[in-house]
Amino acid sequence: MNIRKQIALIVTLSSFAGAALAAEAPARRTSRAPKQDKCAEYGEGFIYEPSTGSCIRVGGVVGAQVNGGTPRNGAQ
């Protein structure tokens, strides 16, 4: 079997497998109502935390410092 036939066979079988999986997947229910941003008044980056009922923003900074060299007093 040459390489073109092998590629065609793989593409055909994968398309059938994808169609079979899509047919078995349950339909997802989507809400038609637009999502309201409860934290828009605080600015960009805030998200609503439903367990506490508050708006939070997580941020931070990561830094590193490397020092090197030899002792100046000549000690080893």
N, C-alpha and C. Protein backbone atom coordinates (compact mmCIF):
# COMPACT_ATOMS: atom_id res chain seq x y z
N MET A 1 0.86 -1.18 0.00
CA MET A 1 0.00 0.00 0.00
C MET A 1 0.90 1.24 0.00
N ASN A 2 0.65 2.13 -0.93
CA ASN A 2 1.52 3.30 -0.99
C ASN A 2 1.08 4.36 0.02
N ILE A 3 1.90 5.36 0.20
CA ILE A 3 1.70 6.37 1.25
C ILE A 3 0.42 7.18 1.03
N ARG A 4 0.07 7.46 -0.21
CA ARG A 4 -1.15 8.25 -0.49
C ARG A 4 -2.40 7.49 -0.06
N LYS A 5 -2.41 6.19 -0.32
CA LYS A 5 -3.57 5.38 0.09
C LYS A 5 -3.65 5.29 1.61
N GLN A 6 -2.51 5.20 2.27
CA GLN A 6 -2.50 5.14 3.72
C GLN A 6 -3.03 6.43 4.32
N ILE A 7 -2.60 7.56 3.79
CA ILE A 7 -3.06 8.86 4.29
C ILE A 7 -4.57 9.01 4.05
N ALA A 8 -5.03 8.61 2.86
CA ALA A 8 -6.46 8.70 2.56
C ALA A 8 -7.27 7.82 3.51
N LEU A 9 -6.76 6.63 3.81
CA LEU A 9 -7.44 5.73 4.73
C LEU A 9 -7.51 6.32 6.13
N ILE A 10 -6.42 6.91 6.61
CA ILE A 10 -6.39 7.52 7.94
C ILE A 10 -7.36 8.69 8.03
N VAL A 11 -7.38 9.53 7.01
CA VAL A 11 -8.30 10.69 7.01
C VAL A 11 -9.74 10.21 7.00
N THR A 12 -10.05 9.22 6.20
CA THR A 12 -11.42 8.71 6.12
C THR A 12 -11.86 8.10 7.45
N LEU A 13 -11.01 7.27 8.03
CA LEU A 13 -11.37 6.65 9.30
C LEU A 13 -11.51 7.66 10.43
N SER A 14 -10.65 8.67 10.45
CA SER A 14 -10.74 9.67 11.51
C SER A 14 -12.00 10.52 11.37
N SER A 15 -12.43 10.78 10.13
CA SER A 15 -13.67 11.55 9.96
C SER A 15 -14.87 10.75 10.41
N PHE A 16 -14.87 9.43 10.17
CA PHE A 16 -15.97 8.60 10.66
C PHE A 16 -15.97 8.53 12.18
N ALA A 17 -14.80 8.44 12.77
CA ALA A 17 -14.71 8.39 14.24
C ALA A 17 -15.20 9.69 14.85
N GLY A 18 -14.84 10.82 14.26
CA GLY A 18 -15.29 12.11 14.76
C GLY A 18 -16.79 12.26 14.66
N ALA A 19 -17.37 11.79 13.57
CA ALA A 19 -18.82 11.88 13.40
C ALA A 19 -19.53 10.99 14.41
N ALA A 20 -18.97 9.82 14.68
CA ALA A 20 -19.59 8.91 15.65
C ALA A 20 -19.55 9.50 17.05
N LEU A 21 -18.44 10.12 17.41
CA LEU A 21 -18.34 10.74 18.74
C LEU A 21 -19.28 11.93 18.87
N ALA A 22 -19.43 12.69 17.80
CA ALA A 22 -20.32 13.84 17.85
C ALA A 22 -21.78 13.40 17.99
N ALA A 23 -22.12 12.27 17.38
CA ALA A 23 -23.49 11.78 17.47
C ALA A 23 -23.81 11.29 18.88
N GLU A 24 -22.81 10.79 19.60
CA GLU A 24 -23.03 10.27 20.94
C GLU A 24 -22.98 11.35 22.02
N ALA A 25 -22.38 12.49 21.71
CA ALA A 25 -22.23 13.54 22.71
C ALA A 25 -23.58 14.16 23.05
N PRO A 26 -23.85 14.40 24.34
CA PRO A 26 -25.12 15.03 24.71
C PRO A 26 -25.12 16.50 24.29
N ALA A 27 -26.29 16.98 23.96
CA ALA A 27 -26.42 18.37 23.55
C ALA A 27 -26.23 19.28 24.77
N ARG A 28 -25.48 20.34 24.59
CA ARG A 28 -25.26 21.30 25.67
C ARG A 28 -26.33 22.36 25.64
N ARG A 29 -26.81 22.72 26.81
CA ARG A 29 -27.80 23.78 26.90
C ARG A 29 -27.05 25.09 27.11
N THR A 30 -27.35 26.04 26.29
CA THR A 30 -26.71 27.34 26.42
C THR A 30 -27.76 28.38 26.77
N SER A 31 -27.35 29.32 27.55
CA SER A 31 -28.24 30.40 27.94
C SER A 31 -28.25 31.46 26.84
N ARG A 32 -29.42 31.89 26.48
CA ARG A 32 -29.54 32.93 25.45
C ARG A 32 -29.40 34.34 26.03
N ALA A 33 -29.53 34.45 27.34
CA ALA A 33 -29.42 35.76 27.97
C ALA A 33 -27.96 36.20 28.00
N PRO A 34 -27.68 37.46 27.73
CA PRO A 34 -26.29 37.92 27.78
C PRO A 34 -25.75 37.87 29.21
N LYS A 35 -24.50 37.53 29.32
CA LYS A 35 -23.88 37.42 30.63
C LYS A 35 -23.62 38.83 31.19
N GLN A 36 -24.08 39.04 32.39
CA GLN A 36 -23.88 40.34 33.02
C GLN A 36 -22.62 40.28 33.87
N ASP A 37 -21.79 41.29 33.72
CA ASP A 37 -20.56 41.34 34.50
C ASP A 37 -20.86 42.06 35.80
N LYS A 38 -20.89 41.31 36.89
CA LYS A 38 -21.22 41.88 38.20
C LYS A 38 -20.10 42.75 38.74
N CYS A 39 -18.91 42.62 38.20
CA CYS A 39 -17.76 43.33 38.74
C CYS A 39 -17.26 44.45 37.81
N ALA A 40 -18.06 44.84 36.84
CA ALA A 40 -17.63 45.85 35.87
C ALA A 40 -17.34 47.19 36.55
N GLU A 41 -18.01 47.49 37.63
CA GLU A 41 -17.81 48.79 38.30
C GLU A 41 -16.44 48.91 38.94
N TYR A 42 -15.77 47.77 39.20
CA TYR A 42 -14.45 47.79 39.83
C TYR A 42 -13.31 47.94 38.82
N GLY A 43 -13.59 47.67 37.57
CA GLY A 43 -12.57 47.80 36.54
C GLY A 43 -12.22 46.45 35.91
N GLU A 44 -11.26 46.51 35.01
CA GLU A 44 -10.87 45.31 34.27
C GLU A 44 -10.09 44.35 35.16
N GLY A 45 -10.32 43.05 34.97
CA GLY A 45 -9.57 42.04 35.70
C GLY A 45 -10.26 41.48 36.92
N PHE A 46 -11.34 42.07 37.37
CA PHE A 46 -12.07 41.55 38.53
C PHE A 46 -13.04 40.46 38.10
N ILE A 47 -13.14 39.41 38.90
CA ILE A 47 -14.08 38.34 38.63
C ILE A 47 -14.98 38.14 39.83
N TYR A 48 -16.17 37.62 39.57
CA TYR A 48 -17.13 37.40 40.64
C TYR A 48 -16.90 36.03 41.27
N GLU A 49 -16.80 35.99 42.56
CA GLU A 49 -16.63 34.75 43.32
C GLU A 49 -17.97 34.42 43.97
N PRO A 50 -18.70 33.44 43.42
CA PRO A 50 -20.05 33.17 43.93
C PRO A 50 -20.09 32.63 45.36
N SER A 51 -19.04 31.94 45.81
CA SER A 51 -19.09 31.38 47.16
C SER A 51 -19.02 32.47 48.23
N THR A 52 -18.38 33.59 47.93
CA THR A 52 -18.31 34.68 48.90
C THR A 52 -19.20 35.86 48.52
N GLY A 53 -19.67 35.86 47.26
CA GLY A 53 -20.52 36.96 46.81
C GLY A 53 -19.76 38.26 46.61
N SER A 54 -18.46 38.18 46.33
CA SER A 54 -17.66 39.39 46.17
C SER A 54 -16.86 39.33 44.87
N CYS A 55 -16.31 40.47 44.52
CA CYS A 55 -15.47 40.58 43.34
C CYS A 55 -14.00 40.58 43.77
N ILE A 56 -13.18 39.78 43.07
CA ILE A 56 -11.76 39.70 43.43
C ILE A 56 -10.90 39.85 42.18
N ARG A 57 -9.67 40.22 42.40
CA ARG A 57 -8.67 40.28 41.33
C ARG A 57 -7.39 39.71 41.90
N VAL A 58 -6.81 38.77 41.20
CA VAL A 58 -5.58 38.14 41.65
C VAL A 58 -4.46 38.64 40.76
N GLY A 59 -3.38 39.05 41.38
CA GLY A 59 -2.23 39.53 40.63
C GLY A 59 -0.97 39.32 41.43
N GLY A 60 0.14 39.57 40.82
CA GLY A 60 1.39 39.41 41.53
C GLY A 60 2.56 39.70 40.63
N VAL A 61 3.73 39.64 41.23
CA VAL A 61 4.97 39.89 40.51
C VAL A 61 5.96 38.82 40.92
N VAL A 62 6.71 38.34 39.97
CA VAL A 62 7.76 37.37 40.24
C VAL A 62 9.08 38.03 39.86
N GLY A 63 10.03 37.95 40.77
CA GLY A 63 11.34 38.55 40.50
C GLY A 63 12.45 37.59 40.87
N ALA A 64 13.62 37.86 40.34
CA ALA A 64 14.78 37.03 40.65
C ALA A 64 16.01 37.93 40.63
N GLN A 65 16.98 37.56 41.45
CA GLN A 65 18.23 38.30 41.49
C GLN A 65 19.36 37.30 41.63
N VAL A 66 20.39 37.49 40.85
CA VAL A 66 21.54 36.60 40.89
C VAL A 66 22.76 37.46 41.14
N ASN A 67 23.53 37.09 42.14
CA ASN A 67 24.78 37.78 42.43
C ASN A 67 25.93 36.80 42.24
N GLY A 68 27.02 37.30 41.77
CA GLY A 68 28.16 36.41 41.58
C GLY A 68 29.45 37.22 41.68
N GLY A 69 30.51 36.51 41.71
CA GLY A 69 31.81 37.18 41.75
C GLY A 69 32.74 36.44 42.69
N THR A 70 33.85 37.07 43.00
CA THR A 70 34.82 36.49 43.91
C THR A 70 34.94 37.40 45.12
N PRO A 71 35.37 36.85 46.25
CA PRO A 71 35.57 37.68 47.43
C PRO A 71 36.66 38.73 47.18
N ARG A 72 36.49 39.93 47.70
CA ARG A 72 37.44 41.01 47.46
C ARG A 72 38.66 40.94 48.40
N ASN A 73 38.50 40.23 49.51
CA ASN A 73 39.62 40.23 50.45
C ASN A 73 40.64 39.14 50.14
N GLY A 74 40.46 38.38 49.08
CA GLY A 74 41.42 37.37 48.69
C GLY A 74 41.26 36.06 49.42
N ALA A 75 40.33 35.94 50.34
CA ALA A 75 40.14 34.69 51.08
C ALA A 75 39.47 33.68 50.18
N GLN A 76 39.79 32.43 50.43
CA GLN A 76 39.19 31.38 49.61
C GLN A 76 38.34 30.48 50.42
